[in-house]
Amino acid sequence: KVGVDPSKINYVAFRGGGEATAAILG
């Protein structure tokens, strides 16, 4: 929607909410 190629996003997948939360807090 903002004009960036969506295939170029850098998405980091986590297996569970706990892992994602720790990564954000850190």
PDB file of all heavy atoms in Angstrom:
ATOM      1  N   LYS A   1       0.805  -1.217   0.000  1.00  0.00           N
ATOM      2  CA  LYS A   1       0.000   0.000   0.000  1.00  0.00           C
ATOM      3  C   LYS A   1       0.844   1.276   0.000  1.00  0.00           C
ATOM      4  O   LYS A   1       0.384   2.324  -0.472  1.00  0.00           O
ATOM      5  CB  LYS A   1      -0.944   0.011   1.202  1.00  0.00           C
ATOM      6  CG  LYS A   1      -2.047  -1.038   1.149  1.00  0.00           C
ATOM      7  CD  LYS A   1      -3.016  -0.780   0.001  1.00  0.00           C
ATOM      8  CE  LYS A   1      -4.148  -1.784   0.009  1.00  0.00           C
ATOM      9  NZ  LYS A   1      -5.101  -1.561  -1.116  1.00  0.00           N
ATOM     10  N   VAL A   2       2.079   1.195   0.532  1.00  0.00           N
ATOM     11  CA  VAL A   2       2.926   2.400   0.578  1.00  0.00           C
ATOM     12  C   VAL A   2       3.942   2.433  -0.563  1.00  0.00           C
ATOM     13  O   VAL A   2       4.841   3.274  -0.587  1.00  0.00           O
ATOM     14  CB  VAL A   2       3.645   2.538   1.945  1.00  0.00           C
ATOM     15  CG1 VAL A   2       2.630   2.607   3.069  1.00  0.00           C
ATOM     16  CG2 VAL A   2       4.659   1.422   2.177  1.00  0.00           C
ATOM     17  N   GLY A   3       3.789   1.504  -1.522  1.00  0.00           N
ATOM     18  CA  GLY A   3       4.629   1.539  -2.707  1.00  0.00           C
ATOM     19  C   GLY A   3       5.942   0.804  -2.620  1.00  0.00           C
ATOM     20  O   GLY A   3       6.853   1.037  -3.417  1.00  0.00           O
ATOM     21  N   VAL A   4       6.053  -0.128  -1.644  1.00  0.00           N
ATOM     22  CA  VAL A   4       7.274  -0.932  -1.501  1.00  0.00           C
ATOM     23  C   VAL A   4       6.990  -2.352  -1.979  1.00  0.00           C
ATOM     24  O   VAL A   4       5.908  -2.898  -1.716  1.00  0.00           O
ATOM     25  CB  VAL A   4       7.736  -0.952  -0.027  1.00  0.00           C
ATOM     26  CG1 VAL A   4       8.914  -1.905   0.160  1.00  0.00           C
ATOM     27  CG2 VAL A   4       8.102   0.452   0.437  1.00  0.00           C
ATOM     28  N   ASP A   5       7.928  -2.955  -2.680  1.00  0.00           N
ATOM     29  CA  ASP A   5       7.771  -4.326  -3.152  1.00  0.00           C
ATOM     30  C   ASP A   5       7.602  -5.248  -1.937  1.00  0.00           C
ATOM     31  O   ASP A   5       8.525  -5.403  -1.131  1.00  0.00           O
ATOM     32  CB  ASP A   5       9.018  -4.740  -3.946  1.00  0.00           C
ATOM     33  CG  ASP A   5       8.921  -6.147  -4.520  1.00  0.00           C
ATOM     34  OD1 ASP A   5       7.980  -6.891  -4.146  1.00  0.00           O
ATOM     35  OD2 ASP A   5       9.792  -6.521  -5.321  1.00  0.00           O
ATOM     36  N   PRO A   6       6.432  -5.868  -1.758  1.00  0.00           N
ATOM     37  CA  PRO A   6       6.202  -6.684  -0.561  1.00  0.00           C
ATOM     38  C   PRO A   6       7.113  -7.894  -0.449  1.00  0.00           C
ATOM     39  O   PRO A   6       7.313  -8.423   0.639  1.00  0.00           O
ATOM     40  CB  PRO A   6       4.731  -7.097  -0.691  1.00  0.00           C
ATOM     41  CG  PRO A   6       4.400  -6.936  -2.128  1.00  0.00           C
ATOM     42  CD  PRO A   6       5.250  -5.810  -2.631  1.00  0.00           C
ATOM     43  N   SER A   7       7.672  -8.325  -1.568  1.00  0.00           N
ATOM     44  CA  SER A   7       8.578  -9.477  -1.512  1.00  0.00           C
ATOM     45  C   SER A   7       9.922  -9.118  -0.877  1.00  0.00           C
ATOM     46  O   SER A   7      10.719  -9.993  -0.562  1.00  0.00           O
ATOM     47  CB  SER A   7       8.804 -10.045  -2.914  1.00  0.00           C
ATOM     48  OG  SER A   7       9.524  -9.122  -3.722  1.00  0.00           O
ATOM     49  N   LYS A   8      10.149  -7.816  -0.664  1.00  0.00           N
ATOM     50  CA  LYS A   8      11.428  -7.372  -0.082  1.00  0.00           C
ATOM     51  C   LYS A   8      11.349  -7.106   1.424  1.00  0.00           C
ATOM     52  O   LYS A   8      12.342  -6.688   2.025  1.00  0.00           O
ATOM     53  CB  LYS A   8      11.909  -6.101  -0.806  1.00  0.00           C
ATOM     54  CG  LYS A   8      12.310  -6.360  -2.251  1.00  0.00           C
ATOM     55  CD  LYS A   8      12.884  -5.112  -2.904  1.00  0.00           C
ATOM     56  CE  LYS A   8      13.341  -5.409  -4.334  1.00  0.00           C
ATOM     57  NZ  LYS A   8      13.884  -4.195  -5.004  1.00  0.00           N
ATOM     58  N   ILE A   9      10.185  -7.346   2.022  1.00  0.00           N
ATOM     59  CA  ILE A   9      10.115  -7.107   3.465  1.00  0.00           C
ATOM     60  C   ILE A   9      10.960  -8.139   4.203  1.00  0.00           C
ATOM     61  O   ILE A   9      11.121  -9.277   3.758  1.00  0.00           O
ATOM     62  CB  ILE A   9       8.670  -7.110   4.002  1.00  0.00           C
ATOM     63  CG1 ILE A   9       8.028  -8.503   3.862  1.00  0.00           C
ATOM     64  CG2 ILE A   9       7.819  -6.049   3.345  1.00  0.00           C
ATOM     65  CD1 ILE A   9       6.738  -8.632   4.655  1.00  0.00           C
ATOM     66  N   ASN A  10      11.496  -7.725   5.341  1.00  0.00           N
ATOM     67  CA  ASN A  10      12.345  -8.581   6.166  1.00  0.00           C
ATOM     68  C   ASN A  10      11.519  -9.074   7.346  1.00  0.00           C
ATOM     69  O   ASN A  10      11.423  -8.414   8.377  1.00  0.00           O
ATOM     70  CB  ASN A  10      13.561  -7.767   6.644  1.00  0.00           C
ATOM     71  CG  ASN A  10      14.542  -8.618   7.436  1.00  0.00           C
ATOM     72  OD1 ASN A  10      14.322  -9.802   7.664  1.00  0.00           O
ATOM     73  ND2 ASN A  10      15.631  -7.995   7.860  1.00  0.00           N
ATOM     74  N   TYR A  11      10.905 -10.234   7.174  1.00  0.00           N
ATOM     75  CA  TYR A  11      10.018 -10.768   8.209  1.00  0.00           C
ATOM     76  C   TYR A  11      10.721 -11.886   8.985  1.00  0.00           C
ATOM     77  O   TYR A  11      11.236 -12.834   8.394  1.00  0.00           O
ATOM     78  CB  TYR A  11       8.721 -11.300   7.600  1.00  0.00           C
ATOM     79  CG  TYR A  11       7.715 -11.746   8.641  1.00  0.00           C
ATOM     80  CD1 TYR A  11       6.906 -10.816   9.290  1.00  0.00           C
ATOM     81  CD2 TYR A  11       7.602 -13.082   8.996  1.00  0.00           C
ATOM     82  CE1 TYR A  11       5.993 -11.213  10.265  1.00  0.00           C
ATOM     83  CE2 TYR A  11       6.696 -13.491   9.967  1.00  0.00           C
ATOM     84  CZ  TYR A  11       5.894 -12.552  10.595  1.00  0.00           C
ATOM     85  OH  TYR A  11       5.013 -12.949  11.574  1.00  0.00           O
ATOM     86  N   VAL A  12      10.719 -11.761  10.311  1.00  0.00           N
ATOM     87  CA  VAL A  12      11.335 -12.761  11.179  1.00  0.00           C
ATOM     88  C   VAL A  12      10.218 -13.538  11.876  1.00  0.00           C
ATOM     89  O   VAL A  12       9.476 -12.978  12.684  1.00  0.00           O
ATOM     90  CB  VAL A  12      12.254 -12.103  12.233  1.00  0.00           C
ATOM     91  CG1 VAL A  12      12.943 -13.178  13.074  1.00  0.00           C
ATOM     92  CG2 VAL A  12      13.278 -11.197  11.565  1.00  0.00           C
ATOM     93  N   ALA A  13      10.099 -14.817  11.539  1.00  0.00           N
ATOM     94  CA  ALA A  13       9.022 -15.640  12.093  1.00  0.00           C
ATOM     95  C   ALA A  13       9.470 -16.315  13.384  1.00  0.00           C
ATOM     96  O   ALA A  13      10.609 -16.792  13.490  1.00  0.00           O
ATOM     97  CB  ALA A  13       8.609 -16.701  11.075  1.00  0.00           C
ATOM     98  N   PHE A  14       8.561 -16.367  14.351  1.00  0.00           N
ATOM     99  CA  PHE A  14       8.826 -17.044  15.617  1.00  0.00           C
ATOM    100  C   PHE A  14       7.786 -18.131  15.832  1.00  0.00           C
ATOM    101  O   PHE A  14       6.651 -18.034  15.379  1.00  0.00           O
ATOM    102  CB  PHE A  14       8.793 -16.044  16.773  1.00  0.00           C
ATOM    103  CG  PHE A  14       9.875 -15.006  16.703  1.00  0.00           C
ATOM    104  CD1 PHE A  14       9.618 -13.754  16.155  1.00  0.00           C
ATOM    105  CD2 PHE A  14      11.151 -15.288  17.160  1.00  0.00           C
ATOM    106  CE1 PHE A  14      10.606 -12.791  16.080  1.00  0.00           C
ATOM    107  CE2 PHE A  14      12.159 -14.327  17.078  1.00  0.00           C
ATOM    108  CZ  PHE A  14      11.888 -13.081  16.546  1.00  0.00           C
ATOM    109  N   ARG A  15       8.172 -19.183  16.560  1.00  0.00           N
ATOM    110  CA  ARG A  15       7.289 -20.333  16.735  1.00  0.00           C
ATOM    111  C   ARG A  15       6.164 -20.085  17.729  1.00  0.00           C
ATOM    112  O   ARG A  15       5.135 -20.730  17.697  1.00  0.00           O
ATOM    113  CB  ARG A  15       8.092 -21.552  17.188  1.00  0.00           C
ATOM    114  CG  ARG A  15       8.966 -22.141  16.100  1.00  0.00           C
ATOM    115  CD  ARG A  15       9.592 -23.436  16.553  1.00  0.00           C
ATOM    116  NE  ARG A  15      10.439 -23.248  17.736  1.00  0.00           N
ATOM    117  CZ  ARG A  15      11.019 -24.244  18.402  1.00  0.00           C
ATOM    118  NH1 ARG A  15      10.813 -25.479  18.015  1.00  0.00           N
ATOM    119  NH2 ARG A  15      11.773 -23.994  19.445  1.00  0.00           N
ATOM    120  N   GLY A  16       6.360 -19.139  18.623  1.00  0.00           N
ATOM    121  CA  GLY A  16       5.336 -18.876  19.628  1.00  0.00           C
ATOM    122  C   GLY A  16       5.365 -17.443  20.088  1.00  0.00           C
ATOM    123  O   GLY A  16       6.320 -16.701  19.836  1.00  0.00           O
ATOM    124  N   GLY A  17       4.294 -17.049  20.801  1.00  0.00           N
ATOM    125  CA  GLY A  17       4.190 -15.679  21.268  1.00  0.00           C
ATOM    126  C   GLY A  17       5.304 -15.288  22.221  1.00  0.00           C
ATOM    127  O   GLY A  17       5.760 -14.140  22.219  1.00  0.00           O
ATOM    128  N   GLY A  18       5.777 -16.244  23.026  1.00  0.00           N
ATOM    129  CA  GLY A  18       6.849 -15.958  23.978  1.00  0.00           C
ATOM    130  C   GLY A  18       8.139 -15.553  23.297  1.00  0.00           C
ATOM    131  O   GLY A  18       8.820 -14.610  23.724  1.00  0.00           O
ATOM    132  N   GLU A  19       8.486 -16.270  22.225  1.00  0.00           N
ATOM    133  CA  GLU A  19       9.716 -15.963  21.482  1.00  0.00           C
ATOM    134  C   GLU A  19       9.626 -14.587  20.834  1.00  0.00           C
ATOM    135  O   GLU A  19      10.583 -13.804  20.862  1.00  0.00           O
ATOM    136  CB  GLU A  19       9.969 -17.018  20.404  1.00  0.00           C
ATOM    137  CG  GLU A  19      10.421 -18.373  20.925  1.00  0.00           C
ATOM    138  CD  GLU A  19      10.721 -19.342  19.805  1.00  0.00           C
ATOM    139  OE1 GLU A  19      10.724 -18.911  18.628  1.00  0.00           O
ATOM    140  OE2 GLU A  19      10.954 -20.520  20.090  1.00  0.00           O
ATOM    141  N   ALA A  20       8.476 -14.299  20.236  1.00  0.00           N
ATOM    142  CA  ALA A  20       8.291 -13.008  19.568  1.00  0.00           C
ATOM    143  C   ALA A  20       8.358 -11.865  20.576  1.00  0.00           C
ATOM    144  O   ALA A  20       9.004 -10.841  20.341  1.00  0.00           O
ATOM    145  CB  ALA A  20       6.959 -12.982  18.829  1.00  0.00           C
ATOM    146  N   THR A  21       7.729 -12.057  21.721  1.00  0.00           N
ATOM    147  CA  THR A  21       7.729 -11.032  22.767  1.00  0.00           C
ATOM    148  C   THR A  21       9.145 -10.746  23.249  1.00  0.00           C
ATOM    149  O   THR A  21       9.543  -9.583  23.401  1.00  0.00           O
ATOM    150  CB  THR A  21       6.846 -11.480  23.952  1.00  0.00           C
ATOM    151  OG1 THR A  21       5.503 -11.601  23.505  1.00  0.00           O
ATOM    152  CG2 THR A  21       6.908 -10.473  25.089  1.00  0.00           C
ATOM    153  N   ALA A  22       9.921 -11.805  23.470  1.00  0.00           N
ATOM    154  CA  ALA A  22      11.303 -11.642  23.931  1.00  0.00           C
ATOM    155  C   ALA A  22      12.131 -10.874  22.905  1.00  0.00           C
ATOM    156  O   ALA A  22      12.961 -10.023  23.263  1.00  0.00           O
ATOM    157  CB  ALA A  22      11.929 -13.006  24.209  1.00  0.00           C
ATOM    158  N   ALA A  23      11.919 -11.158  21.631  1.00  0.00           N
ATOM    159  CA  ALA A  23      12.667 -10.485  20.566  1.00  0.00           C
ATOM    160  C   ALA A  23      12.320  -9.001  20.504  1.00  0.00           C
ATOM    161  O   ALA A  23      13.189  -8.152  20.291  1.00  0.00           O
ATOM    162  CB  ALA A  23      12.377 -11.146  19.220  1.00  0.00           C
ATOM    163  N   ILE A  24      11.047  -8.689  20.711  1.00  0.00           N
ATOM    164  CA  ILE A  24      10.626  -7.281  20.687  1.00  0.00           C
ATOM    165  C   ILE A  24      11.191  -6.544  21.889  1.00  0.00           C
ATOM    166  O   ILE A  24      11.776  -5.458  21.763  1.00  0.00           O
ATOM    167  CB  ILE A  24       9.084  -7.182  20.664  1.00  0.00           C
ATOM    168  CG1 ILE A  24       8.529  -7.798  19.377  1.00  0.00           C
ATOM    169  CG2 ILE A  24       8.637  -5.728  20.774  1.00  0.00           C
ATOM    170  CD1 ILE A  24       7.060  -8.146  19.458  1.00  0.00           C
ATOM    171  N   LEU A  25      11.035  -7.127  23.068  1.00  0.00           N
ATOM    172  CA  LEU A  25      11.529  -6.489  24.287  1.00  0.00           C
ATOM    173  C   LEU A  25      13.048  -6.308  24.252  1.00  0.00           C
ATOM    174  O   LEU A  25      13.585  -5.348  24.799  1.00  0.00           O
ATOM    175  CB  LEU A  25      11.133  -7.319  25.520  1.00  0.00           C
ATOM    176  CG  LEU A  25       9.632  -7.416  25.817  1.00  0.00           C
ATOM    177  CD1 LEU A  25       9.383  -8.366  26.985  1.00  0.00           C
ATOM    178  CD2 LEU A  25       9.055  -6.037  26.125  1.00  0.00           C
ATOM    179  N   GLY A  26      13.724  -7.241  23.586  1.00  0.00           N
ATOM    180  CA  GLY A  26      15.183  -7.165  23.491  1.00  0.00           C
ATOM    181  C   GLY A  26      15.675  -6.275  22.364  1.00  0.00           C
ATOM    182  O   GLY A  26      16.887  -6.122  22.181  1.00  0.00           O
TER     183      GLY A  26
END
